[in-house]
Amino acid sequence: MRSSKFFKAEQVHLSWDTPGLVAGVDEAGRGPLAGPVVAAAVILDELQPIKGLADSKALTPLRRARLYDEIRAKALCCSVAEASVEEIDQLNILQATLLAMRRAVEGLRLKPVKVLVDGNRLPTLSVMAEAVVGGDAKVKAISAASILAKVTRDRWCEAYHAQYPQYGFAAHKGYGTAEHLAALRTHGACPQHRRSFSPVAQVLKGPAR
């Protein structure tokens, strides 16, 4: 009978045993009538946890702004990208959103081994990816990405408001509120309105006869 010493177990780490870096991805601005759709990708640092990460829509603007700065300071890396109004009108909003997500992932300084994307659709990526419905409330990296995307787009709206104050972008962030629709009817569309979206197209077409 062989001695048990020949069967001493040794811990072996194989490359596929190591999870590696995981990036969270989310977007902001699919629904508005104007402006780009913004996506962010974030790889968090486990050694520098960030408290209070949650779906950006569940946070106050002040809390989002503070977390935005903390994420930028503590994450291993992060990337924010967008698809323009022209791309939205040319491709449709879903494909433009997936394009912005792909750009965000490709902009990461470090390459993740896996990408977790909020929602049920995935962009075309060169790494393994998984769609997570409700991920912005379940996965911290996706929550972080949702905050970066939301704050970036909100700041875009505030800056654009200075150029076109008659539309009220700083208040409604481009969404089709009664105020925004009234401004559209009064002033017509500005260069950043999405021509492929029905309320904008109807205004451009003019009143029905």
N, C-alpha and C. Protein backbone atom coordinates (compact mmCIF):
# COMPACT_ATOMS: atom_id res chain seq x y z
N MET A 1 0.86 -1.20 0.00
CA MET A 1 0.00 0.00 0.00
C MET A 1 0.89 1.24 0.00
N ARG A 2 0.55 2.23 -0.84
CA ARG A 2 1.36 3.42 -0.93
C ARG A 2 1.23 4.29 0.31
N SER A 3 2.30 4.98 0.63
CA SER A 3 2.27 5.89 1.76
C SER A 3 1.41 7.09 1.40
N SER A 4 0.71 7.59 2.41
CA SER A 4 -0.17 8.72 2.17
C SER A 4 0.59 9.97 1.78
N LYS A 5 1.92 9.96 2.02
CA LYS A 5 2.66 11.17 1.72
C LYS A 5 2.66 11.45 0.22
N PHE A 6 2.45 10.39 -0.58
CA PHE A 6 2.42 10.60 -2.02
C PHE A 6 1.13 11.26 -2.49
N PHE A 7 0.15 11.31 -1.60
CA PHE A 7 -1.15 11.86 -1.97
C PHE A 7 -1.44 13.20 -1.26
N LYS A 8 -0.37 13.83 -0.80
CA LYS A 8 -0.54 15.12 -0.14
C LYS A 8 -1.07 16.15 -1.13
N ALA A 9 -2.17 16.77 -0.78
CA ALA A 9 -2.80 17.73 -1.70
C ALA A 9 -2.05 19.06 -1.67
N GLU A 10 -1.90 19.64 -2.83
CA GLU A 10 -1.30 20.96 -2.94
C GLU A 10 -2.31 21.88 -3.63
N GLN A 11 -2.38 23.10 -3.15
CA GLN A 11 -3.32 24.05 -3.74
C GLN A 11 -2.70 24.63 -5.01
N VAL A 12 -3.39 24.44 -6.09
CA VAL A 12 -2.90 24.92 -7.38
C VAL A 12 -3.87 25.97 -7.90
N HIS A 13 -3.35 27.13 -8.29
CA HIS A 13 -4.19 28.19 -8.83
C HIS A 13 -4.09 28.18 -10.34
N LEU A 14 -5.15 27.86 -10.99
CA LEU A 14 -5.19 27.85 -12.44
C LEU A 14 -5.72 29.19 -12.92
N SER A 15 -5.34 29.55 -14.12
CA SER A 15 -5.71 30.87 -14.63
C SER A 15 -7.22 31.06 -14.66
N TRP A 16 -7.96 29.99 -14.97
CA TRP A 16 -9.42 30.15 -15.07
C TRP A 16 -10.11 30.10 -13.70
N ASP A 17 -9.33 29.85 -12.64
CA ASP A 17 -9.89 29.92 -11.30
C ASP A 17 -9.96 31.36 -10.79
N THR A 18 -9.16 32.22 -11.37
CA THR A 18 -9.08 33.60 -10.91
C THR A 18 -10.16 34.44 -11.58
N PRO A 19 -11.07 35.01 -10.80
CA PRO A 19 -12.15 35.78 -11.41
C PRO A 19 -11.66 36.95 -12.26
N GLY A 20 -10.65 37.63 -11.81
CA GLY A 20 -10.16 38.78 -12.57
C GLY A 20 -11.03 40.00 -12.37
N LEU A 21 -10.82 40.99 -13.20
CA LEU A 21 -11.52 42.26 -13.07
C LEU A 21 -12.90 42.20 -13.72
N VAL A 22 -13.88 42.72 -13.00
CA VAL A 22 -15.26 42.76 -13.50
C VAL A 22 -15.69 44.22 -13.62
N ALA A 23 -16.22 44.58 -14.77
CA ALA A 23 -16.69 45.95 -15.00
C ALA A 23 -18.22 45.99 -14.97
N GLY A 24 -18.75 47.03 -14.39
CA GLY A 24 -20.19 47.28 -14.44
C GLY A 24 -20.47 48.36 -15.47
N VAL A 25 -21.58 48.21 -16.20
CA VAL A 25 -21.91 49.15 -17.27
C VAL A 25 -23.38 49.57 -17.15
N ASP A 26 -23.63 50.85 -17.33
CA ASP A 26 -25.01 51.35 -17.36
C ASP A 26 -25.05 52.62 -18.21
N GLU A 27 -26.27 53.06 -18.51
CA GLU A 27 -26.44 54.23 -19.37
C GLU A 27 -27.40 55.22 -18.74
N ALA A 28 -27.40 56.41 -19.29
CA ALA A 28 -28.38 57.44 -18.92
C ALA A 28 -28.79 58.19 -20.18
N GLY A 29 -30.07 58.45 -20.28
CA GLY A 29 -30.53 59.27 -21.40
C GLY A 29 -31.18 58.53 -22.55
N ARG A 30 -31.75 57.37 -22.31
CA ARG A 30 -32.46 56.68 -23.41
C ARG A 30 -33.78 57.37 -23.72
N GLY A 31 -34.47 57.85 -22.69
CA GLY A 31 -35.82 58.36 -22.87
C GLY A 31 -35.97 59.81 -23.29
N PRO A 32 -35.02 60.69 -22.99
CA PRO A 32 -35.20 62.11 -23.31
C PRO A 32 -35.37 62.40 -24.79
N LEU A 33 -35.88 63.57 -25.08
CA LEU A 33 -36.12 63.99 -26.46
C LEU A 33 -34.91 64.70 -27.06
N ALA A 34 -33.88 64.94 -26.25
CA ALA A 34 -32.73 65.71 -26.73
C ALA A 34 -31.45 65.22 -26.06
N GLY A 35 -30.35 65.50 -26.74
CA GLY A 35 -29.03 65.23 -26.17
C GLY A 35 -28.54 63.81 -26.42
N PRO A 36 -27.27 63.59 -26.14
CA PRO A 36 -26.68 62.27 -26.36
C PRO A 36 -27.16 61.26 -25.33
N VAL A 37 -26.97 59.98 -25.63
CA VAL A 37 -27.13 58.94 -24.62
C VAL A 37 -25.73 58.66 -24.09
N VAL A 38 -25.61 58.60 -22.77
CA VAL A 38 -24.31 58.48 -22.11
C VAL A 38 -24.20 57.12 -21.44
N ALA A 39 -23.06 56.48 -21.57
CA ALA A 39 -22.81 55.20 -20.91
C ALA A 39 -21.52 55.29 -20.11
N ALA A 40 -21.45 54.50 -19.05
CA ALA A 40 -20.24 54.46 -18.23
C ALA A 40 -19.89 53.02 -17.91
N ALA A 41 -18.60 52.76 -17.77
CA ALA A 41 -18.09 51.45 -17.36
C ALA A 41 -17.16 51.68 -16.17
N VAL A 42 -17.31 50.86 -15.13
CA VAL A 42 -16.54 51.05 -13.91
C VAL A 42 -16.00 49.71 -13.41
N ILE A 43 -14.72 49.70 -13.05
CA ILE A 43 -14.12 48.58 -12.34
C ILE A 43 -13.77 49.08 -10.95
N LEU A 44 -14.46 48.58 -9.94
CA LEU A 44 -14.25 49.03 -8.58
C LEU A 44 -13.01 48.37 -7.96
N ASP A 45 -12.48 49.02 -6.94
CA ASP A 45 -11.34 48.50 -6.19
C ASP A 45 -11.85 47.91 -4.89
N GLU A 46 -11.71 46.60 -4.73
CA GLU A 46 -12.21 45.94 -3.52
C GLU A 46 -11.53 46.46 -2.26
N LEU A 47 -10.34 47.00 -2.40
CA LEU A 47 -9.60 47.50 -1.24
C LEU A 47 -10.03 48.91 -0.84
N GLN A 48 -10.82 49.54 -1.70
CA GLN A 48 -11.34 50.87 -1.38
C GLN A 48 -12.85 50.90 -1.59
N PRO A 49 -13.59 50.25 -0.70
CA PRO A 49 -15.05 50.18 -0.87
C PRO A 49 -15.69 51.56 -0.79
N ILE A 50 -16.78 51.70 -1.52
CA ILE A 50 -17.52 52.96 -1.55
C ILE A 50 -18.90 52.71 -0.94
N LYS A 51 -19.22 53.42 0.12
CA LYS A 51 -20.49 53.23 0.80
C LYS A 51 -21.60 53.99 0.09
N GLY A 52 -22.79 53.40 0.11
CA GLY A 52 -23.96 54.11 -0.39
C GLY A 52 -24.22 53.99 -1.88
N LEU A 53 -23.52 53.09 -2.57
CA LEU A 53 -23.77 52.92 -4.00
C LEU A 53 -25.17 52.35 -4.20
N ALA A 54 -25.91 52.95 -5.11
CA ALA A 54 -27.27 52.52 -5.40
C ALA A 54 -27.65 53.01 -6.79
N ASP A 55 -28.79 52.57 -7.25
CA ASP A 55 -29.31 53.07 -8.53
C ASP A 55 -29.32 54.59 -8.49
N SER A 56 -28.74 55.23 -9.49
CA SER A 56 -28.62 56.69 -9.49
C SER A 56 -29.97 57.38 -9.35
N LYS A 57 -31.03 56.76 -9.87
CA LYS A 57 -32.35 57.39 -9.82
C LYS A 57 -32.90 57.42 -8.39
N ALA A 58 -32.34 56.59 -7.51
CA ALA A 58 -32.81 56.55 -6.12
C ALA A 58 -32.04 57.52 -5.22
N LEU A 59 -31.09 58.26 -5.79
CA LEU A 59 -30.25 59.16 -5.01
C LEU A 59 -30.60 60.62 -5.30
N THR A 60 -30.35 61.48 -4.32
CA THR A 60 -30.54 62.90 -4.55
C THR A 60 -29.41 63.43 -5.44
N PRO A 61 -29.63 64.55 -6.13
CA PRO A 61 -28.56 65.11 -6.96
C PRO A 61 -27.28 65.37 -6.17
N LEU A 62 -27.40 65.85 -4.93
CA LEU A 62 -26.21 66.13 -4.11
C LEU A 62 -25.47 64.84 -3.79
N ARG A 63 -26.21 63.79 -3.43
CA ARG A 63 -25.58 62.51 -3.10
C ARG A 63 -24.92 61.92 -4.34
N ARG A 64 -25.58 62.04 -5.49
CA ARG A 64 -24.99 61.55 -6.74
C ARG A 64 -23.67 62.26 -7.03
N ALA A 65 -23.66 63.58 -6.85
CA ALA A 65 -22.46 64.36 -7.14
C ALA A 65 -21.30 63.95 -6.23
N ARG A 66 -21.60 63.71 -4.96
CA ARG A 66 -20.54 63.29 -4.03
C ARG A 66 -20.02 61.90 -4.37
N LEU A 67 -20.94 61.01 -4.71
CA LEU A 67 -20.51 59.65 -5.08
C LEU A 67 -19.75 59.67 -6.41
N TYR A 68 -20.14 60.54 -7.32
CA TYR A 68 -19.43 60.68 -8.59
C TYR A 68 -17.95 60.96 -8.32
N ASP A 69 -17.68 61.92 -7.45
CA ASP A 69 -16.29 62.27 -7.13
C ASP A 69 -15.57 61.12 -6.45
N GLU A 70 -16.27 60.41 -5.56
CA GLU A 70 -15.65 59.30 -4.84
C GLU A 70 -15.34 58.13 -5.78
N ILE A 71 -16.26 57.87 -6.70
CA ILE A 71 -16.03 56.80 -7.67
C ILE A 71 -14.82 57.12 -8.54
N ARG A 72 -14.76 58.35 -9.02
CA ARG A 72 -13.63 58.76 -9.86
C ARG A 72 -12.31 58.65 -9.10
N ALA A 73 -12.35 58.88 -7.79
CA ALA A 73 -11.13 58.86 -6.98
C ALA A 73 -10.71 57.44 -6.58
N LYS A 74 -11.69 56.56 -6.34
CA LYS A 74 -11.37 55.26 -5.75
C LYS A 74 -11.44 54.07 -6.70
N ALA A 75 -12.18 54.17 -7.79
CA ALA A 75 -12.29 53.03 -8.71
C ALA A 75 -10.93 52.70 -9.32
N LEU A 76 -10.73 51.43 -9.64
CA LEU A 76 -9.50 51.04 -10.34
C LEU A 76 -9.42 51.76 -11.67
N CYS A 77 -10.52 51.81 -12.38
CA CYS A 77 -10.61 52.61 -13.60
C CYS A 77 -12.07 52.78 -13.98
N CYS A 78 -12.33 53.82 -14.73
CA CYS A 78 -13.69 54.07 -15.20
C CYS A 78 -13.61 54.81 -16.53
N SER A 79 -14.68 54.71 -17.27
CA SER A 79 -14.73 55.30 -18.60
C SER A 79 -16.16 55.76 -18.88
N VAL A 80 -16.30 56.95 -19.44
CA VAL A 80 -17.60 57.48 -19.82
C VAL A 80 -17.58 57.78 -21.31
N ALA A 81 -18.61 57.35 -22.01
CA ALA A 81 -18.69 57.56 -23.46
C ALA A 81 -20.13 57.92 -23.82
N GLU A 82 -20.32 58.31 -25.06
CA GLU A 82 -21.67 58.68 -25.49
C GLU A 82 -21.89 58.32 -26.95
N ALA A 83 -23.16 58.34 -27.32
CA ALA A 83 -23.55 58.30 -28.73
C ALA A 83 -24.33 59.59 -28.98
N SER A 84 -24.00 60.25 -30.07
CA SER A 84 -24.55 61.57 -30.34
C SER A 84 -26.00 61.51 -30.81
N VAL A 85 -26.61 62.68 -30.86
CA VAL A 85 -27.98 62.79 -31.38
C VAL A 85 -28.04 62.29 -32.82
N GLU A 86 -27.02 62.62 -33.62
CA GLU A 86 -26.98 62.16 -35.01
C GLU A 86 -26.94 60.64 -35.08
N GLU A 87 -26.18 60.03 -34.19
CA GLU A 87 -26.11 58.56 -34.18
C GLU A 87 -27.41 57.95 -33.69
N ILE A 88 -28.06 58.60 -32.73
CA ILE A 88 -29.36 58.12 -32.26
C ILE A 88 -30.37 58.13 -33.40
N ASP A 89 -30.41 59.24 -34.14
CA ASP A 89 -31.37 59.35 -35.24
C ASP A 89 -31.05 58.40 -36.39
N GLN A 90 -29.78 58.12 -36.58
CA GLN A 90 -29.38 57.23 -37.67
C GLN A 90 -29.57 55.76 -37.33
N LEU A 91 -29.22 55.38 -36.10
CA LEU A 91 -29.19 53.96 -35.73
C LEU A 91 -30.47 53.50 -35.04
N ASN A 92 -31.14 54.34 -34.30
CA ASN A 92 -32.23 54.17 -33.35
C ASN A 92 -31.64 54.17 -31.94
N ILE A 93 -32.45 54.46 -30.95
CA ILE A 93 -31.95 54.69 -29.60
C ILE A 93 -31.35 53.43 -28.98
N LEU A 94 -31.91 52.25 -29.25
CA LEU A 94 -31.34 51.04 -28.67
C LEU A 94 -29.93 50.80 -29.19
N GLN A 95 -29.76 50.84 -30.51
CA GLN A 95 -28.44 50.58 -31.08
C GLN A 95 -27.43 51.66 -30.68
N ALA A 96 -27.89 52.89 -30.57
CA ALA A 96 -27.00 53.97 -30.12
C ALA A 96 -26.58 53.76 -28.67
N THR A 97 -27.50 53.27 -27.85
CA THR A 97 -27.17 52.99 -26.45
C THR A 97 -26.12 51.88 -26.36
N LEU A 98 -26.30 50.82 -27.13
CA LEU A 98 -25.33 49.72 -27.13
C LEU A 98 -23.98 50.20 -27.65
N LEU A 99 -23.99 51.11 -28.60
CA LEU A 99 -22.75 51.68 -29.12
C LEU A 99 -22.02 52.47 -28.04
N ALA A 100 -22.76 53.29 -27.30
CA ALA A 100 -22.16 54.06 -26.22
C ALA A 100 -21.58 53.14 -25.15
N MET A 101 -22.29 52.06 -24.84
CA MET A 101 -21.79 51.09 -23.86
C MET A 101 -20.49 50.44 -24.34
N ARG A 102 -20.45 50.06 -25.60
CA ARG A 102 -19.24 49.45 -26.15
C ARG A 102 -18.07 50.43 -26.07
N ARG A 103 -18.32 51.68 -26.41
CA ARG A 103 -17.27 52.69 -26.33
C ARG A 103 -16.77 52.87 -24.90
N ALA A 104 -17.69 52.82 -23.94
CA ALA A 104 -17.29 52.96 -22.53
C ALA A 104 -16.39 51.82 -22.11
N VAL A 105 -16.76 50.59 -22.46
CA VAL A 105 -15.94 49.43 -22.10
C VAL A 105 -14.59 49.51 -22.79
N GLU A 106 -14.58 49.84 -24.06
CA GLU A 106 -13.32 49.92 -24.80
C GLU A 106 -12.43 51.06 -24.29
N GLY A 107 -13.01 52.02 -23.60
CA GLY A 107 -12.24 53.13 -23.06
C GLY A 107 -11.60 52.85 -21.71
N LEU A 108 -11.88 51.69 -21.12
CA LEU A 108 -11.28 51.36 -19.82
C LEU A 108 -9.77 51.18 -19.96
N ARG A 109 -9.03 51.71 -19.00
CA ARG A 109 -7.57 51.58 -19.01
C ARG A 109 -7.14 50.13 -18.76
N LEU A 110 -7.92 49.42 -17.94
CA LEU A 110 -7.67 48.01 -17.66
C LEU A 110 -8.74 47.18 -18.36
N LYS A 111 -8.35 46.03 -18.89
CA LYS A 111 -9.31 45.20 -19.59
C LYS A 111 -9.96 44.21 -18.62
N PRO A 112 -11.28 44.25 -18.49
CA PRO A 112 -11.95 43.29 -17.60
C PRO A 112 -12.04 41.90 -18.24
N VAL A 113 -12.20 40.90 -17.39
CA VAL A 113 -12.44 39.56 -17.91
C VAL A 113 -13.93 39.33 -18.11
N LYS A 114 -14.75 40.17 -17.46
CA LYS A 114 -16.20 40.03 -17.59
C LYS A 114 -16.84 41.40 -17.42
N VAL A 115 -17.92 41.59 -18.15
CA VAL A 115 -18.67 42.85 -18.08
C VAL A 115 -20.11 42.54 -17.69
N LEU A 116 -20.62 43.24 -16.68
CA LEU A 116 -22.01 43.10 -16.25
C LEU A 116 -22.76 44.35 -16.69
N VAL A 117 -23.79 44.17 -17.49
CA VAL A 117 -24.52 45.28 -18.10
C VAL A 117 -25.93 45.35 -17.54
N ASP A 118 -26.34 46.52 -17.11
CA ASP A 118 -27.71 46.68 -16.63
C ASP A 118 -28.71 46.49 -17.78
N GLY A 119 -29.78 45.75 -17.51
CA GLY A 119 -30.82 45.57 -18.51
C GLY A 119 -30.85 44.17 -19.08
N ASN A 120 -31.41 44.04 -20.27
CA ASN A 120 -31.56 42.71 -20.89
C ASN A 120 -30.95 42.64 -22.28
N ARG A 121 -30.16 43.64 -22.65
CA ARG A 121 -29.51 43.62 -23.96
C ARG A 121 -28.02 43.88 -23.78
N LEU A 122 -27.21 43.25 -24.63
CA LEU A 122 -25.76 43.38 -24.51
C LEU A 122 -25.15 44.03 -25.75
N PRO A 123 -24.19 44.92 -25.55
CA PRO A 123 -23.43 45.43 -26.70
C PRO A 123 -22.48 44.36 -27.22
N THR A 124 -21.98 44.54 -28.41
CA THR A 124 -20.98 43.62 -28.96
C THR A 124 -19.63 43.94 -28.34
N LEU A 125 -19.07 42.98 -27.61
CA LEU A 125 -17.82 43.19 -26.89
C LEU A 125 -16.84 42.06 -27.19
N SER A 126 -15.57 42.32 -26.92
CA SER A 126 -14.53 41.30 -27.12
C SER A 126 -14.28 40.49 -25.85
N VAL A 127 -15.04 40.77 -24.79
CA VAL A 127 -14.91 40.02 -23.54
C VAL A 127 -16.26 39.44 -23.15
N MET A 128 -16.23 38.50 -22.22
CA MET A 128 -17.46 37.87 -21.76
C MET A 128 -18.35 38.92 -21.09
N ALA A 129 -19.65 38.84 -21.37
CA ALA A 129 -20.58 39.82 -20.82
C ALA A 129 -21.87 39.14 -20.39
N GLU A 130 -22.53 39.74 -19.42
CA GLU A 130 -23.80 39.22 -18.91
C GLU A 130 -24.75 40.38 -18.65
N ALA A 131 -25.98 40.23 -19.11
CA ALA A 131 -27.01 41.23 -18.85
C ALA A 131 -27.66 40.95 -17.50
N VAL A 132 -27.84 42.00 -16.70
CA VAL A 132 -28.42 41.85 -15.37
C VAL A 132 -29.62 42.79 -15.26
N VAL A 133 -30.81 42.24 -15.29
CA VAL A 133 -32.02 43.06 -15.16
C VAL A 133 -32.07 43.64 -13.74
N GLY A 134 -32.25 44.96 -13.66
CA GLY A 134 -32.23 45.61 -12.35
C GLY A 134 -30.85 45.66 -11.74
N GLY A 135 -29.83 45.55 -12.56
CA GLY A 135 -28.47 45.48 -12.07
C GLY A 135 -28.00 46.73 -11.36
N ASP A 136 -28.59 47.89 -11.71
CA ASP A 136 -28.17 49.14 -11.07
C ASP A 136 -28.51 49.17 -9.59
N ALA A 137 -29.40 48.27 -9.14
CA ALA A 137 -29.74 48.18 -7.73
C ALA A 137 -29.14 46.94 -7.08
N LYS A 138 -28.54 46.05 -7.89
CA LYS A 138 -28.04 44.78 -7.36
C LYS A 138 -26.52 44.68 -7.35
N VAL A 139 -25.87 45.27 -8.33
CA VAL A 139 -24.43 45.11 -8.52
C VAL A 139 -23.76 46.46 -8.30
N LYS A 140 -22.81 46.52 -7.36
CA LYS A 140 -22.20 47.80 -7.00
C LYS A 140 -21.50 48.46 -8.17
N ALA A 141 -20.82 47.68 -9.00
CA ALA A 141 -20.12 48.27 -10.14
C ALA A 141 -21.10 48.88 -11.14
N ILE A 142 -22.27 48.25 -11.30
CA ILE A 142 -23.28 48.81 -12.19
C ILE A 142 -23.88 50.07 -11.56
N SER A 143 -24.11 50.04 -10.24
CA SER A 143 -24.59 51.24 -9.55
C SER A 143 -23.63 52.40 -9.77
N ALA A 144 -22.34 52.12 -9.64
CA ALA A 144 -21.33 53.16 -9.85
C ALA A 144 -21.39 53.69 -11.27
N ALA A 145 -21.55 52.80 -12.24
CA ALA A 145 -21.64 53.22 -13.64
C ALA A 145 -22.89 54.06 -13.87
N SER A 146 -23.99 53.69 -13.23
CA SER A 146 -25.23 54.46 -13.41
C SER A 146 -25.07 55.88 -12.87
N ILE A 147 -24.32 56.03 -11.78
CA ILE A 147 -24.10 57.35 -11.19
C ILE A 147 -23.22 58.20 -12.11
N LEU A 148 -22.13 57.62 -12.63
CA LEU A 148 -21.26 58.38 -13.53
C LEU A 148 -22.02 58.82 -14.78
N ALA A 149 -22.82 57.91 -15.34
CA ALA A 149 -23.56 58.24 -16.56
C ALA A 149 -24.61 59.31 -16.29
N LYS A 150 -25.34 59.18 -15.20
CA LYS A 150 -26.41 60.12 -14.88
C LYS A 150 -25.85 61.52 -14.60
N VAL A 151 -24.81 61.61 -13.79
CA VAL A 151 -24.23 62.91 -13.46
C VAL A 151 -23.65 63.56 -14.71
N THR A 152 -22.96 62.77 -15.53
CA THR A 152 -22.38 63.31 -16.76
C THR A 152 -23.44 63.88 -17.67
N ARG A 153 -24.55 63.14 -17.85
CA ARG A 153 -25.60 63.64 -18.74
C ARG A 153 -26.33 64.83 -18.16
N ASP A 154 -26.58 64.80 -16.85
CA ASP A 154 -27.23 65.95 -16.21
C ASP A 154 -26.39 67.21 -16.36
N ARG A 155 -25.08 67.07 -16.23
CA ARG A 155 -24.19 68.22 -16.39
C ARG A 155 -24.19 68.71 -17.84
N TRP A 156 -24.32 67.78 -18.77
CA TRP A 156 -24.44 68.18 -20.18
C TRP A 156 -25.69 69.04 -20.35
N CYS A 157 -26.81 68.60 -19.75
CA CYS A 157 -28.07 69.34 -19.88
C CYS A 157 -27.95 70.73 -19.27
N GLU A 158 -27.28 70.84 -18.13
CA GLU A 158 -27.12 72.14 -17.49
C GLU A 158 -26.26 73.07 -18.35
N ALA A 159 -25.22 72.52 -18.96
CA ALA A 159 -24.37 73.34 -19.83
C ALA A 159 -25.14 73.76 -21.09
N TYR A 160 -25.94 72.86 -21.64
CA TYR A 160 -26.70 73.18 -22.86
C TYR A 160 -27.81 74.18 -22.57
N HIS A 161 -28.29 74.17 -21.33
CA HIS A 161 -29.33 75.13 -20.92
C HIS A 161 -28.83 76.56 -21.09
N ALA A 162 -27.54 76.77 -20.84
CA ALA A 162 -26.98 78.12 -20.98
C ALA A 162 -27.03 78.61 -22.42
N GLN A 163 -26.98 77.66 -23.36
CA GLN A 163 -27.01 78.01 -24.77
C GLN A 163 -28.44 78.15 -25.29
N TYR A 164 -29.35 77.31 -24.77
CA TYR A 164 -30.75 77.33 -25.20
C TYR A 164 -31.66 77.36 -23.97
N PRO A 165 -31.68 78.45 -23.23
CA PRO A 165 -32.45 78.50 -21.98
C PRO A 165 -33.96 78.40 -22.19
N GLN A 166 -34.42 78.69 -23.40
CA GLN A 166 -35.87 78.69 -23.64
C GLN A 166 -36.49 77.30 -23.52
N TYR A 167 -35.68 76.25 -23.57
CA TYR A 167 -36.24 74.89 -23.50
C TYR A 167 -36.28 74.33 -22.08
N GLY A 168 -35.52 74.90 -21.17
CA GLY A 168 -35.55 74.44 -19.78
C GLY A 168 -34.81 73.14 -19.52
N PHE A 169 -33.74 72.89 -20.26
CA PHE A 169 -33.00 71.63 -20.09
C PHE A 169 -32.48 71.40 -18.68
N ALA A 170 -32.10 72.45 -17.98
CA ALA A 170 -31.56 72.29 -16.63
C ALA A 170 -32.59 71.68 -15.69
N ALA A 171 -33.87 71.93 -15.95
CA ALA A 171 -34.93 71.43 -15.07
C ALA A 171 -35.37 70.03 -15.46
N HIS A 172 -35.73 69.83 -16.73
CA HIS A 172 -36.32 68.53 -17.13
C HIS A 172 -35.32 67.55 -17.71
N LYS A 173 -34.07 67.99 -17.92
CA LYS A 173 -32.98 67.12 -18.42
C LYS A 173 -33.32 66.47 -19.76
N GLY A 174 -34.16 67.14 -20.54
CA GLY A 174 -34.46 66.64 -21.88
C GLY A 174 -35.67 65.75 -21.99
N TYR A 175 -36.26 65.36 -20.86
CA TYR A 175 -37.43 64.49 -20.90
C TYR A 175 -38.66 65.25 -21.41
N GLY A 176 -39.63 64.51 -21.88
CA GLY A 176 -40.80 65.11 -22.52
C GLY A 176 -41.83 65.61 -21.55
N THR A 177 -41.46 66.52 -20.69
CA THR A 177 -42.41 67.11 -19.74
C THR A 177 -43.34 68.08 -20.48
N ALA A 178 -44.40 68.48 -19.80
CA ALA A 178 -45.33 69.44 -20.40
C ALA A 178 -44.62 70.74 -20.76
N GLU A 179 -43.71 71.17 -19.88
CA GLU A 179 -42.93 72.39 -20.12
C GLU A 179 -42.07 72.24 -21.37
N HIS A 180 -41.43 71.10 -21.50
CA HIS A 180 -40.55 70.88 -22.65
C HIS A 180 -41.35 70.81 -23.95
N LEU A 181 -42.46 70.11 -23.93
CA LEU A 181 -43.30 70.00 -25.13
C LEU A 181 -43.86 71.36 -25.54
N ALA A 182 -44.21 72.17 -24.55
CA ALA A 182 -44.71 73.52 -24.86
C ALA A 182 -43.61 74.37 -25.49
N ALA A 183 -42.40 74.23 -24.98
CA ALA A 183 -41.26 74.98 -25.55
C ALA A 183 -40.97 74.52 -26.97
N LEU A 184 -41.11 73.22 -27.20
CA LEU A 184 -40.91 72.69 -28.56
C LEU A 184 -41.92 73.29 -29.53
N ARG A 185 -43.17 73.36 -29.10
CA ARG A 185 -44.21 73.91 -29.98
C ARG A 185 -43.98 75.41 -30.24
N THR A 186 -43.46 76.10 -29.23
CA THR A 186 -43.26 77.54 -29.35
C THR A 186 -42.01 77.89 -30.16
N HIS A 187 -40.92 77.18 -29.88
CA HIS A 187 -39.62 77.56 -30.45
C HIS A 187 -39.12 76.61 -31.54
N GLY A 188 -39.84 75.50 -31.75
CA GLY A 188 -39.33 74.51 -32.69
C GLY A 188 -38.21 73.70 -32.06
N ALA A 189 -37.53 72.92 -32.87
CA ALA A 189 -36.46 72.05 -32.35
C ALA A 189 -35.11 72.75 -32.43
N CYS A 190 -34.26 72.47 -31.45
CA CYS A 190 -32.89 72.98 -31.48
C CYS A 190 -31.98 71.89 -32.06
N PRO A 191 -30.70 72.16 -32.31
CA PRO A 191 -29.83 71.17 -32.94
C PRO A 191 -29.67 69.87 -32.15
N GLN A 192 -29.93 69.90 -30.85
CA GLN A 192 -29.74 68.69 -30.05
C GLN A 192 -31.03 67.90 -29.82
N HIS A 193 -32.11 68.28 -30.47
CA HIS A 193 -33.33 67.48 -30.36
C HIS A 193 -33.24 66.26 -31.28
N ARG A 194 -33.76 65.16 -30.79
CA ARG A 194 -33.73 63.89 -31.53
C ARG A 194 -34.87 63.86 -32.54
N ARG A 195 -34.52 64.06 -33.79
CA ARG A 195 -35.54 64.14 -34.84
C ARG A 195 -36.33 62.84 -35.02
N SER A 196 -35.74 61.71 -34.63
CA SER A 196 -36.41 60.42 -34.82
C SER A 196 -37.44 60.13 -33.72
N PHE A 197 -37.48 60.96 -32.68
CA PHE A 197 -38.44 60.75 -31.59
C PHE A 197 -39.77 61.42 -31.96
N SER A 198 -40.84 60.72 -31.74
CA SER A 198 -42.15 61.14 -32.21
C SER A 198 -42.56 62.56 -31.82
N PRO A 199 -42.44 62.99 -30.54
CA PRO A 199 -42.87 64.35 -30.21
C PRO A 199 -42.10 65.42 -30.98
N VAL A 200 -40.81 65.18 -31.21
CA VAL A 200 -40.00 66.15 -31.97
C VAL A 200 -40.41 66.10 -33.44
N ALA A 201 -40.58 64.90 -33.98
CA ALA A 201 -40.98 64.76 -35.39
C ALA A 201 -42.32 65.44 -35.67
N GLN A 202 -43.24 65.33 -34.71
CA GLN A 202 -44.55 65.94 -34.88
C GLN A 202 -44.47 67.46 -34.93
N VAL A 203 -43.59 68.03 -34.07
CA VAL A 203 -43.42 69.48 -34.07
C VAL A 203 -42.80 69.93 -35.39
N LEU A 204 -41.81 69.21 -35.87
CA LEU A 204 -41.15 69.58 -37.12
C LEU A 204 -42.11 69.47 -38.32
N LYS A 205 -43.02 68.52 -38.21
CA LYS A 205 -43.98 68.30 -39.30
C LYS A 205 -45.02 69.40 -39.35
N GLY A 206 -45.24 70.05 -38.19
CA GLY A 206 -46.20 71.14 -38.15
C GLY A 206 -47.58 70.64 -37.78
N PRO A 207 -48.52 71.54 -37.50
CA PRO A 207 -49.87 71.14 -37.10
C PRO A 207 -50.60 70.40 -38.22
N ALA A 208 -51.41 69.44 -37.79
CA ALA A 208 -52.19 68.67 -38.78
C ALA A 208 -53.26 69.57 -39.40
N ARG A 209 -53.49 69.35 -40.68
CA ARG A 209 -54.48 70.16 -41.39
C ARG A 209 -55.75 69.34 -41.68
